[in-house]
Amino acid sequence: MKSLSEFKNKDVRFLFTDIDDTLTDHGQLGADAYSALWRLQQNGIQVIPVTGRPAGWCEMIARFWPVHGIVGENGGFYFRYHEKKMDRHFVFDEITRARNREKLESIRQEVLSQVPGCAIASDQFSRLMDLAVDFAEDVGPLPESEIDRIVRIFEKHGAQAKVSSIHVNGWFGSYDKLSMCREYAQRELKLDLELNNERFAFSGDSPNDEPMFAFFKNSFAVANINNFLSRIKNKPAFLAPSEGGRGFVEIANRLLSK
């Protein structure tokens, strides 16, 4: 990982970014980080959050934040509020989503019975695609051995499982954050992500961001990525000096300075 000060690309026009512990500090979005979102938009860099957070949260963010759109539930869908219309694009149709939720229910019961101290995420009622198991937001934090146990239960049932800074998110299907970003770029921006890699950037903080770190030449992490380096093979290209929202502000300032 290079220092953020070494970043020199002048062509970035779109920023995909994680939310929890990338934009936030201790679960809250600070004034400086929110202001950075506005400054990016007002200076020609469109922001698209890419998050594990649920559909209910994404509906609000797409409508009220200064963003171009949002990818939610680790790539299960994207929402875009445009010309007073909310456009929603899902990986699966409604019938498939309902069937997958039934399968996730059996996993929920097993996780809660076998991993003491974890909990179902408080935002689960707002979710359409995945099951989020809390290990560090309203409980814990749990040790890595227990986080790994949660991951193994998901995988035993044939589900994907990704570890964020606060949750283990599990779902059925081969999609991830990057696959839906490709669709977003193609459908909403009319750009091929591979051919226009230099025009995009990504900022994140945790293992579920690894596909994004691997793909984007302009990939950034805030300093709390250091807590997860043992879980990450493909590391970000550039590292901000500070953690969370302060680190995001540093990334935004660097993008705007170029």
Protein backbone atom coordinates (compact mmCIF):
# COMPACT_ATOMS: atom_id res chain seq x y z
CA MET A 1 0.00 0.00 0.00
CA LYS A 2 1.26 3.44 -0.95
CA SER A 3 0.80 6.62 1.01
CA LEU A 4 -2.23 8.69 0.00
CA SER A 5 0.16 11.53 -0.81
CA GLU A 6 1.52 9.45 -3.70
CA PHE A 7 -1.82 9.38 -5.54
CA LYS A 8 -1.57 11.44 -8.74
CA ASN A 9 -4.48 10.49 -11.05
CA LYS A 10 -6.28 13.57 -12.40
CA ASP A 11 -9.04 11.73 -14.28
CA VAL A 12 -11.27 10.31 -11.51
CA ARG A 13 -14.91 11.31 -12.01
CA PHE A 14 -16.71 8.60 -10.02
CA LEU A 15 -16.09 7.37 -6.47
CA PHE A 16 -17.57 4.12 -5.18
CA THR A 17 -17.29 4.09 -1.38
CA ASP A 18 -18.12 1.89 1.56
CA ILE A 19 -20.10 3.54 4.39
CA ASP A 20 -19.58 1.89 7.80
CA ASP A 21 -16.22 2.83 9.33
CA THR A 22 -15.18 4.41 6.02
CA LEU A 23 -17.54 7.37 6.09
CA THR A 24 -18.54 6.95 9.74
CA ASP A 25 -16.85 7.09 13.15
CA HIS A 26 -18.25 4.94 15.95
CA GLY A 27 -21.46 4.42 14.00
CA GLN A 28 -22.16 8.05 13.17
CA LEU A 29 -21.73 10.15 10.03
CA GLY A 30 -19.80 13.25 11.02
CA ALA A 31 -20.24 16.73 9.63
CA ASP A 32 -16.83 16.77 7.89
CA ALA A 33 -17.41 13.48 6.06
CA TYR A 34 -20.90 14.55 4.98
CA SER A 35 -19.51 17.87 3.82
CA ALA A 36 -16.89 15.98 1.80
CA LEU A 37 -19.68 14.16 -0.05
CA TRP A 38 -21.17 17.51 -1.03
CA ARG A 39 -17.81 18.94 -2.08
CA LEU A 40 -17.11 15.94 -4.29
CA GLN A 41 -20.49 16.24 -6.00
CA GLN A 42 -20.20 20.00 -6.46
CA ASN A 43 -16.76 19.61 -8.04
CA GLY A 44 -17.70 16.99 -10.61
CA ILE A 45 -16.94 13.72 -8.81
CA GLN A 46 -20.08 11.58 -8.49
CA VAL A 47 -20.26 9.39 -5.37
CA ILE A 48 -21.93 5.96 -5.34
CA PRO A 49 -21.92 4.29 -1.89
CA VAL A 50 -21.40 0.51 -1.99
CA THR A 51 -22.52 -0.97 1.30
CA GLY A 52 -23.65 -4.05 3.18
CA ARG A 53 -26.47 -2.00 4.67
CA PRO A 54 -30.10 -2.90 3.90
CA ALA A 55 -32.59 -1.85 1.28
CA GLY A 56 -34.51 0.33 3.73
CA TRP A 57 -31.43 2.41 4.47
CA CYS A 58 -30.49 2.58 0.78
CA GLU A 59 -33.90 3.99 -0.13
CA MET A 60 -33.28 6.95 2.16
CA ILE A 61 -29.65 7.44 1.17
CA ALA A 62 -30.43 7.43 -2.56
CA ARG A 63 -33.11 10.05 -2.01
CA PHE A 64 -31.50 12.39 0.55
CA TRP A 65 -27.70 12.16 0.33
CA PRO A 66 -25.64 13.95 -2.36
CA VAL A 67 -25.01 10.70 -4.26
CA HIS A 68 -25.54 9.51 -7.81
CA GLY A 69 -27.00 6.21 -6.59
CA ILE A 70 -26.23 3.40 -4.12
CA VAL A 71 -25.33 -0.31 -4.25
CA GLY A 72 -26.73 -2.16 -1.24
CA GLU A 73 -26.62 -5.47 0.62
CA ASN A 74 -23.16 -6.27 -0.75
CA GLY A 75 -24.21 -6.08 -4.38
CA GLY A 76 -27.72 -7.53 -4.28
CA PHE A 77 -29.20 -4.42 -5.86
CA TYR A 78 -28.75 -0.75 -6.64
CA PHE A 79 -31.13 2.16 -6.15
CA ARG A 80 -30.97 5.47 -7.99
CA TYR A 81 -33.22 8.48 -7.40
CA HIS A 82 -33.33 10.38 -10.67
CA GLU A 83 -35.80 12.90 -12.08
CA LYS A 84 -38.14 12.33 -9.13
CA LYS A 85 -38.25 8.58 -9.70
CA MET A 86 -36.65 5.81 -7.64
CA ASP A 87 -35.13 3.21 -9.96
CA ARG A 88 -34.43 -0.17 -8.32
CA HIS A 89 -32.41 -2.92 -9.97
CA PHE A 90 -32.05 -6.34 -8.31
CA VAL A 91 -29.86 -9.35 -9.08
CA PHE A 92 -32.84 -11.69 -8.56
CA ASP A 93 -36.58 -11.46 -9.14
CA GLU A 94 -39.01 -11.28 -6.22
CA ILE A 95 -39.78 -15.04 -6.21
CA THR A 96 -36.09 -15.95 -6.00
CA ARG A 97 -35.52 -13.41 -3.25
CA ALA A 98 -38.36 -14.93 -1.21
CA ARG A 99 -36.97 -18.46 -1.61
CA ASN A 100 -33.52 -17.32 -0.54
CA ARG A 101 -34.92 -15.63 2.56
CA GLU A 102 -36.51 -18.94 3.58
CA LYS A 103 -33.14 -20.69 3.30
CA LEU A 104 -31.47 -17.91 5.29
CA GLU A 105 -33.95 -18.43 8.13
CA SER A 106 -32.51 -21.88 8.89
CA ILE A 107 -29.03 -20.38 8.93
CA ARG A 108 -30.20 -17.68 11.33
CA GLN A 109 -31.38 -20.27 13.82
CA GLU A 110 -28.14 -22.26 13.60
CA VAL A 111 -25.89 -19.23 14.02
CA LEU A 112 -27.73 -18.01 17.10
CA SER A 113 -27.65 -21.45 18.71
CA GLN A 114 -23.97 -22.17 17.98
CA VAL A 115 -22.27 -18.78 18.38
CA PRO A 116 -22.99 -17.27 21.80
CA GLY A 117 -22.65 -13.51 21.97
CA CYS A 118 -23.60 -12.73 18.39
CA ALA A 119 -26.97 -11.30 17.35
CA ILE A 120 -28.98 -10.70 14.24
CA ALA A 121 -28.25 -7.15 13.08
CA SER A 122 -30.76 -4.58 14.24
CA ASP A 123 -31.34 -3.50 10.62
CA GLN A 124 -32.31 -7.02 9.47
CA PHE A 125 -36.00 -6.07 9.21
CA SER A 126 -35.05 -3.70 6.37
CA ARG A 127 -33.19 -6.34 4.33
CA LEU A 128 -34.34 -8.03 1.13
CA MET A 129 -31.35 -10.13 0.02
CA ASP A 130 -29.14 -11.22 2.90
CA LEU A 131 -28.77 -12.14 6.55
CA ALA A 132 -26.56 -9.87 8.67
CA VAL A 133 -25.06 -11.26 11.88
CA ASP A 134 -23.78 -8.64 14.30
CA PHE A 135 -20.44 -9.28 15.98
CA ALA A 136 -19.28 -5.72 16.76
CA GLU A 137 -22.04 -3.12 16.32
CA ASP A 138 -24.50 -3.67 19.19
CA VAL A 139 -22.72 -6.69 20.70
CA GLY A 140 -19.17 -7.88 21.26
CA PRO A 141 -16.81 -7.40 19.65
CA LEU A 142 -16.40 -11.15 19.25
CA PRO A 143 -12.99 -12.79 18.74
CA GLU A 144 -11.90 -13.78 15.25
CA SER A 145 -12.47 -17.46 16.02
CA GLU A 146 -16.19 -16.82 16.55
CA ILE A 147 -16.41 -14.65 13.44
CA ASP A 148 -14.86 -17.51 11.48
CA ARG A 149 -17.42 -19.91 12.97
CA ILE A 150 -20.26 -17.72 11.68
CA VAL A 151 -18.67 -17.69 8.22
CA ARG A 152 -18.35 -21.49 8.23
CA ILE A 153 -22.04 -21.95 9.05
CA PHE A 154 -23.06 -19.83 6.08
CA GLU A 155 -20.68 -21.66 3.77
CA LYS A 156 -21.84 -25.08 5.00
CA HIS A 157 -25.31 -24.20 3.68
CA GLY A 158 -23.95 -23.11 0.31
CA ALA A 159 -24.20 -19.39 1.00
CA GLN A 160 -21.58 -16.71 0.47
CA ALA A 161 -20.33 -14.95 3.60
CA LYS A 162 -18.38 -11.71 3.81
CA VAL A 163 -16.94 -10.04 6.90
CA SER A 164 -17.36 -6.29 7.34
CA SER A 165 -16.11 -4.22 10.25
CA ILE A 166 -19.30 -4.98 12.23
CA HIS A 167 -21.29 -7.80 10.56
CA VAL A 168 -20.98 -11.10 8.79
CA ASN A 169 -23.28 -10.82 5.79
CA GLY A 170 -24.45 -14.00 4.08
CA TRP A 171 -26.50 -14.57 0.93
CA PHE A 172 -27.24 -17.03 -1.85
CA GLY A 173 -25.91 -16.19 -5.29
CA SER A 174 -22.59 -15.45 -6.97
CA TYR A 175 -22.83 -11.66 -6.88
CA ASP A 176 -20.71 -9.28 -4.81
CA LYS A 177 -20.06 -5.55 -4.53
CA LEU A 178 -17.95 -5.46 -7.69
CA SER A 179 -20.40 -7.34 -9.91
CA MET A 180 -23.16 -4.83 -9.16
CA CYS A 181 -20.79 -1.90 -9.64
CA ARG A 182 -20.13 -3.23 -13.14
CA GLU A 183 -23.88 -3.27 -13.79
CA TYR A 184 -24.31 0.19 -12.32
CA ALA A 185 -21.60 1.64 -14.52
CA GLN A 186 -23.02 -0.01 -17.63
CA ARG A 187 -26.69 0.75 -17.03
CA GLU A 188 -26.58 4.14 -15.34
CA LEU A 189 -23.33 5.70 -16.53
CA LYS A 190 -23.08 4.01 -19.96
CA LEU A 191 -19.47 3.13 -19.20
CA ASP A 192 -17.57 -0.15 -19.26
CA LEU A 193 -15.83 -0.42 -15.90
CA GLU A 194 -12.81 -2.28 -17.28
CA LEU A 195 -12.24 0.13 -20.14
CA ASN A 196 -12.71 3.19 -17.92
CA ASN A 197 -10.93 2.02 -14.78
CA GLU A 198 -8.87 5.21 -14.52
CA ARG A 199 -12.05 7.32 -14.24
CA PHE A 200 -13.24 5.43 -11.14
CA ALA A 201 -12.00 5.12 -7.57
CA PHE A 202 -13.05 3.14 -4.50
CA SER A 203 -12.63 3.72 -0.77
CA GLY A 204 -13.21 1.09 1.91
CA ASP A 205 -12.06 -0.37 5.19
CA SER A 206 -12.72 -4.10 5.60
CA PRO A 207 -12.43 -7.63 4.10
CA ASN A 208 -15.72 -7.47 2.19
CA ASP A 209 -14.17 -4.66 0.14
CA GLU A 210 -11.40 -6.91 -1.16
CA PRO A 211 -12.90 -7.49 -4.66
CA MET A 212 -13.01 -3.71 -5.06
CA PHE A 213 -9.43 -3.25 -3.84
CA ALA A 214 -8.28 -5.89 -6.32
CA PHE A 215 -10.09 -4.39 -9.31
CA PHE A 216 -9.72 -0.63 -9.04
CA LYS A 217 -6.35 0.92 -9.82
CA ASN A 218 -7.47 3.91 -7.74
CA SER A 219 -8.38 2.00 -4.58
CA PHE A 220 -8.13 3.64 -1.17
CA ALA A 221 -8.54 2.53 2.42
CA VAL A 222 -8.91 4.46 5.63
CA ALA A 223 -6.37 3.61 8.33
CA ASN A 224 -8.59 1.16 10.23
CA ILE A 225 -7.99 -1.32 7.41
CA ASN A 226 -4.92 -2.22 9.47
CA ASN A 227 -7.21 -4.13 11.84
CA PHE A 228 -8.08 -6.59 9.05
CA LEU A 229 -4.91 -6.99 7.00
CA SER A 230 -4.54 -10.62 8.08
CA ARG A 231 -7.86 -11.35 6.35
CA ILE A 232 -7.08 -9.48 3.12
CA LYS A 233 -4.96 -10.85 0.28
CA ASN A 234 -5.67 -8.05 -2.22
CA LYS A 235 -4.87 -4.83 -0.43
CA PRO A 236 -5.83 -1.28 -1.49
CA ALA A 237 -3.40 0.75 -3.56
CA PHE A 238 -3.36 3.78 -1.26
CA LEU A 239 -3.76 4.23 2.50
CA ALA A 240 -5.12 7.33 4.22
CA PRO A 241 -3.34 8.46 7.41
CA SER A 242 -6.54 8.58 9.51
CA GLU A 243 -9.35 6.22 10.37
CA GLY A 244 -13.04 6.35 9.46
CA GLY A 245 -14.63 9.62 8.44
CA ARG A 246 -11.44 11.59 8.93
CA GLY A 247 -9.66 9.25 6.55
CA PHE A 248 -12.46 9.64 4.01
CA VAL A 249 -12.09 13.42 4.19
CA GLU A 250 -8.38 13.01 3.47
CA ILE A 251 -9.19 10.84 0.45
CA ALA A 252 -11.77 13.34 -0.80
CA ASN A 253 -9.32 16.21 -0.39
CA ARG A 254 -6.69 14.31 -2.37
CA LEU A 255 -9.15 13.58 -5.19
CA LEU A 256 -10.25 17.20 -5.30
CA SER A 257 -6.70 18.54 -5.23
CA LYS A 258 -5.96 16.72 -8.48
